[in-house]
Amino acid sequence: MAHGKGTAHHKLHGFVGWGLIIGLIPAIWSAVSAIGGGSAGFAAWLSNPVGGLGFLAFFTAAIWYCKLEMDEVIMDYFSGGLRSFGLLKNKVVAFILWAAVVYAVVKLAFLG
């Protein structure tokens, strides 16, 4: 039995949502611990490969979840060429935002 695109989108949305929920507690705990040292403590946390990769994993799930949510809004309210343009624009904006954060974290955590 073939599954439609909506089924795959729904399963992916649920999977990413659970990843976000599971990662929320450690992400908040780590960030609050790092903020205790002020901006220097937060920068030191992101400069540490473990902290940087943990933040990056959580941020990736958050961006992906937001992108999937906006995809649903676009698919519900637009059709035709406007729908295609909206989905493409949503994908590009999410990627640019993600790439900027990846660059910053990799630069801090691995390139000094």
C-alpha atoms as a PDB file:
ATOM      1  CA  MET A   1       0.000   0.000   0.000  1.00  0.00           C
ATOM      2  CA  ALA A   2       1.500   3.325  -1.060  1.00  0.00           C
ATOM      3  CA  HIS A   3       1.591   6.193   1.380  1.00  0.00           C
ATOM      4  CA  GLY A   4       0.920   9.742   0.291  1.00  0.00           C
ATOM      5  CA  LYS A   5       3.185  12.696   0.916  1.00  0.00           C
ATOM      6  CA  GLY A   6       0.899  13.837   3.729  1.00  0.00           C
ATOM      7  CA  THR A   7       1.462  10.591   5.625  1.00  0.00           C
ATOM      8  CA  ALA A   8       5.247  10.896   5.411  1.00  0.00           C
ATOM      9  CA  HIS A   9       5.028  14.580   6.405  1.00  0.00           C
ATOM     10  CA  HIS A  10       2.871  13.681   9.415  1.00  0.00           C
ATOM     11  CA  LYS A  11       5.250  10.920  10.563  1.00  0.00           C
ATOM     12  CA  LEU A  12       8.299  13.179  10.150  1.00  0.00           C
ATOM     13  CA  HIS A  13       6.524  15.976  12.014  1.00  0.00           C
ATOM     14  CA  GLY A  14       5.790  13.635  14.939  1.00  0.00           C
ATOM     15  CA  PHE A  15       9.330  12.260  14.978  1.00  0.00           C
ATOM     16  CA  VAL A  16      10.917  15.731  14.999  1.00  0.00           C
ATOM     17  CA  GLY A  17       8.411  16.905  17.613  1.00  0.00           C
ATOM     18  CA  TRP A  18       9.363  14.080  19.967  1.00  0.00           C
ATOM     19  CA  GLY A  19      13.045  14.801  19.407  1.00  0.00           C
ATOM     20  CA  LEU A  20      12.419  18.418  20.317  1.00  0.00           C
ATOM     21  CA  ILE A  21      10.482  17.501  23.451  1.00  0.00           C
ATOM     22  CA  ILE A  22      13.116  14.997  24.610  1.00  0.00           C
ATOM     23  CA  GLY A  23      15.954  17.441  23.935  1.00  0.00           C
ATOM     24  CA  LEU A  24      14.255  20.396  25.614  1.00  0.00           C
ATOM     25  CA  ILE A  25      15.130  19.514  29.220  1.00  0.00           C
ATOM     26  CA  PRO A  26      18.888  18.938  28.649  1.00  0.00           C
ATOM     27  CA  ALA A  27      19.077  22.014  26.395  1.00  0.00           C
ATOM     28  CA  ILE A  28      17.431  24.268  28.970  1.00  0.00           C
ATOM     29  CA  TRP A  29      19.486  22.773  31.810  1.00  0.00           C
ATOM     30  CA  SER A  30      22.756  23.293  29.934  1.00  0.00           C
ATOM     31  CA  ALA A  31      21.889  26.817  28.795  1.00  0.00           C
ATOM     32  CA  VAL A  32      20.782  27.923  32.273  1.00  0.00           C
ATOM     33  CA  SER A  33      23.975  26.480  33.762  1.00  0.00           C
ATOM     34  CA  ALA A  34      26.046  28.330  31.164  1.00  0.00           C
ATOM     35  CA  ILE A  35      24.201  31.619  31.645  1.00  0.00           C
ATOM     36  CA  GLY A  36      25.307  31.602  35.302  1.00  0.00           C
ATOM     37  CA  GLY A  37      28.715  32.713  34.045  1.00  0.00           C
ATOM     38  CA  GLY A  38      27.223  35.615  32.083  1.00  0.00           C
ATOM     39  CA  SER A  39      27.861  36.095  28.395  1.00  0.00           C
ATOM     40  CA  ALA A  40      31.382  34.721  28.794  1.00  0.00           C
ATOM     41  CA  GLY A  41      29.973  31.536  30.353  1.00  0.00           C
ATOM     42  CA  PHE A  42      27.488  31.121  27.529  1.00  0.00           C
ATOM     43  CA  ALA A  43      30.214  31.650  24.913  1.00  0.00           C
ATOM     44  CA  ALA A  44      32.426  29.152  26.757  1.00  0.00           C
ATOM     45  CA  TRP A  45      29.586  26.610  26.715  1.00  0.00           C
ATOM     46  CA  LEU A  46      29.130  27.023  22.948  1.00  0.00           C
ATOM     47  CA  SER A  47      32.914  26.879  22.468  1.00  0.00           C
ATOM     48  CA  ASN A  48      33.031  23.452  24.094  1.00  0.00           C
ATOM     49  CA  PRO A  49      32.410  20.752  21.435  1.00  0.00           C
ATOM     50  CA  VAL A  50      29.928  18.882  23.664  1.00  0.00           C
ATOM     51  CA  GLY A  51      27.949  22.019  24.461  1.00  0.00           C
ATOM     52  CA  GLY A  52      28.135  23.272  20.888  1.00  0.00           C
ATOM     53  CA  LEU A  53      27.009  19.976  19.367  1.00  0.00           C
ATOM     54  CA  GLY A  54      24.223  19.608  21.932  1.00  0.00           C
ATOM     55  CA  PHE A  55      22.976  23.098  21.167  1.00  0.00           C
ATOM     56  CA  LEU A  56      23.274  22.436  17.450  1.00  0.00           C
ATOM     57  CA  ALA A  57      21.257  19.206  17.711  1.00  0.00           C
ATOM     58  CA  PHE A  58      18.489  20.953  19.632  1.00  0.00           C
ATOM     59  CA  PHE A  59      18.510  23.976  17.315  1.00  0.00           C
ATOM     60  CA  THR A  60      18.356  21.714  14.250  1.00  0.00           C
ATOM     61  CA  ALA A  61      15.258  19.970  15.634  1.00  0.00           C
ATOM     62  CA  ALA A  62      13.661  23.320  16.497  1.00  0.00           C
ATOM     63  CA  ILE A  63      14.251  24.813  13.041  1.00  0.00           C
ATOM     64  CA  TRP A  64      13.077  21.637  11.340  1.00  0.00           C
ATOM     65  CA  TYR A  65       9.915  21.562  13.459  1.00  0.00           C
ATOM     66  CA  CYS A  66       9.157  25.216  12.700  1.00  0.00           C
ATOM     67  CA  LYS A  67       9.694  24.571   8.986  1.00  0.00           C
ATOM     68  CA  LEU A  68       7.294  21.616   9.053  1.00  0.00           C
ATOM     69  CA  GLU A  69       4.680  23.686  10.905  1.00  0.00           C
ATOM     70  CA  MET A  70       4.917  26.494   8.348  1.00  0.00           C
ATOM     71  CA  ASP A  71       4.714  23.915   5.530  1.00  0.00           C
ATOM     72  CA  GLU A  72       1.350  22.834   6.939  1.00  0.00           C
ATOM     73  CA  VAL A  73       0.077  26.407   7.021  1.00  0.00           C
ATOM     74  CA  ILE A  74       1.219  26.976   3.435  1.00  0.00           C
ATOM     75  CA  MET A  75      -0.355  23.713   2.254  1.00  0.00           C
ATOM     76  CA  ASP A  76      -3.646  24.506   4.015  1.00  0.00           C
ATOM     77  CA  TYR A  77      -4.106  28.064   2.778  1.00  0.00           C
ATOM     78  CA  PHE A  78      -2.399  28.302  -0.622  1.00  0.00           C
ATOM     79  CA  SER A  79      -2.601  26.410  -3.885  1.00  0.00           C
ATOM     80  CA  GLY A  80      -0.882  26.241  -7.247  1.00  0.00           C
ATOM     81  CA  GLY A  81       2.162  28.353  -7.922  1.00  0.00           C
ATOM     82  CA  LEU A  82       1.823  30.345  -4.705  1.00  0.00           C
ATOM     83  CA  ARG A  83       1.932  27.110  -2.701  1.00  0.00           C
ATOM     84  CA  SER A  84       5.050  25.943  -4.542  1.00  0.00           C
ATOM     85  CA  PHE A  85       6.721  29.320  -4.052  1.00  0.00           C
ATOM     86  CA  GLY A  86       5.798  29.400  -0.350  1.00  0.00           C
ATOM     87  CA  LEU A  87       7.143  25.901   0.268  1.00  0.00           C
ATOM     88  CA  LEU A  88      10.370  26.700  -1.572  1.00  0.00           C
ATOM     89  CA  LYS A  89      10.802  30.003   0.256  1.00  0.00           C
ATOM     90  CA  ASN A  90      10.149  28.300   3.609  1.00  0.00           C
ATOM     91  CA  LYS A  91      12.778  25.666   2.824  1.00  0.00           C
ATOM     92  CA  VAL A  92      15.365  28.285   1.776  1.00  0.00           C
ATOM     93  CA  VAL A  93      14.792  30.559   4.790  1.00  0.00           C
ATOM     94  CA  ALA A  94      14.992  27.621   7.226  1.00  0.00           C
ATOM     95  CA  PHE A  95      18.207  26.424   5.586  1.00  0.00           C
ATOM     96  CA  ILE A  96      19.831  29.883   5.673  1.00  0.00           C
ATOM     97  CA  LEU A  97      18.984  30.308   9.350  1.00  0.00           C
ATOM     98  CA  TRP A  98      20.251  26.807  10.162  1.00  0.00           C
ATOM     99  CA  ALA A  99      23.456  27.286   8.133  1.00  0.00           C
ATOM    100  CA  ALA A 100      24.227  30.581   9.898  1.00  0.00           C
ATOM    101  CA  VAL A 101      23.927  28.957  13.328  1.00  0.00           C
ATOM    102  CA  VAL A 102      25.936  25.907  12.218  1.00  0.00           C
ATOM    103  CA  TYR A 103      28.699  28.206  10.968  1.00  0.00           C
ATOM    104  CA  ALA A 104      28.768  30.146  14.256  1.00  0.00           C
ATOM    105  CA  VAL A 105      28.800  27.033  16.452  1.00  0.00           C
ATOM    106  CA  VAL A 106      31.401  25.196  14.363  1.00  0.00           C
ATOM    107  CA  LYS A 107      33.596  28.296  14.353  1.00  0.00           C
ATOM    108  CA  LEU A 108      33.333  28.644  18.134  1.00  0.00           C
ATOM    109  CA  ALA A 109      33.572  24.966  19.071  1.00  0.00           C
ATOM    110  CA  PHE A 110      36.073  23.639  16.549  1.00  0.00           C
ATOM    111  CA  LEU A 111      37.905  26.459  14.792  1.00  0.00           C
ATOM    112  CA  GLY A 112      38.571  28.662  17.792  1.00  0.00           C
END
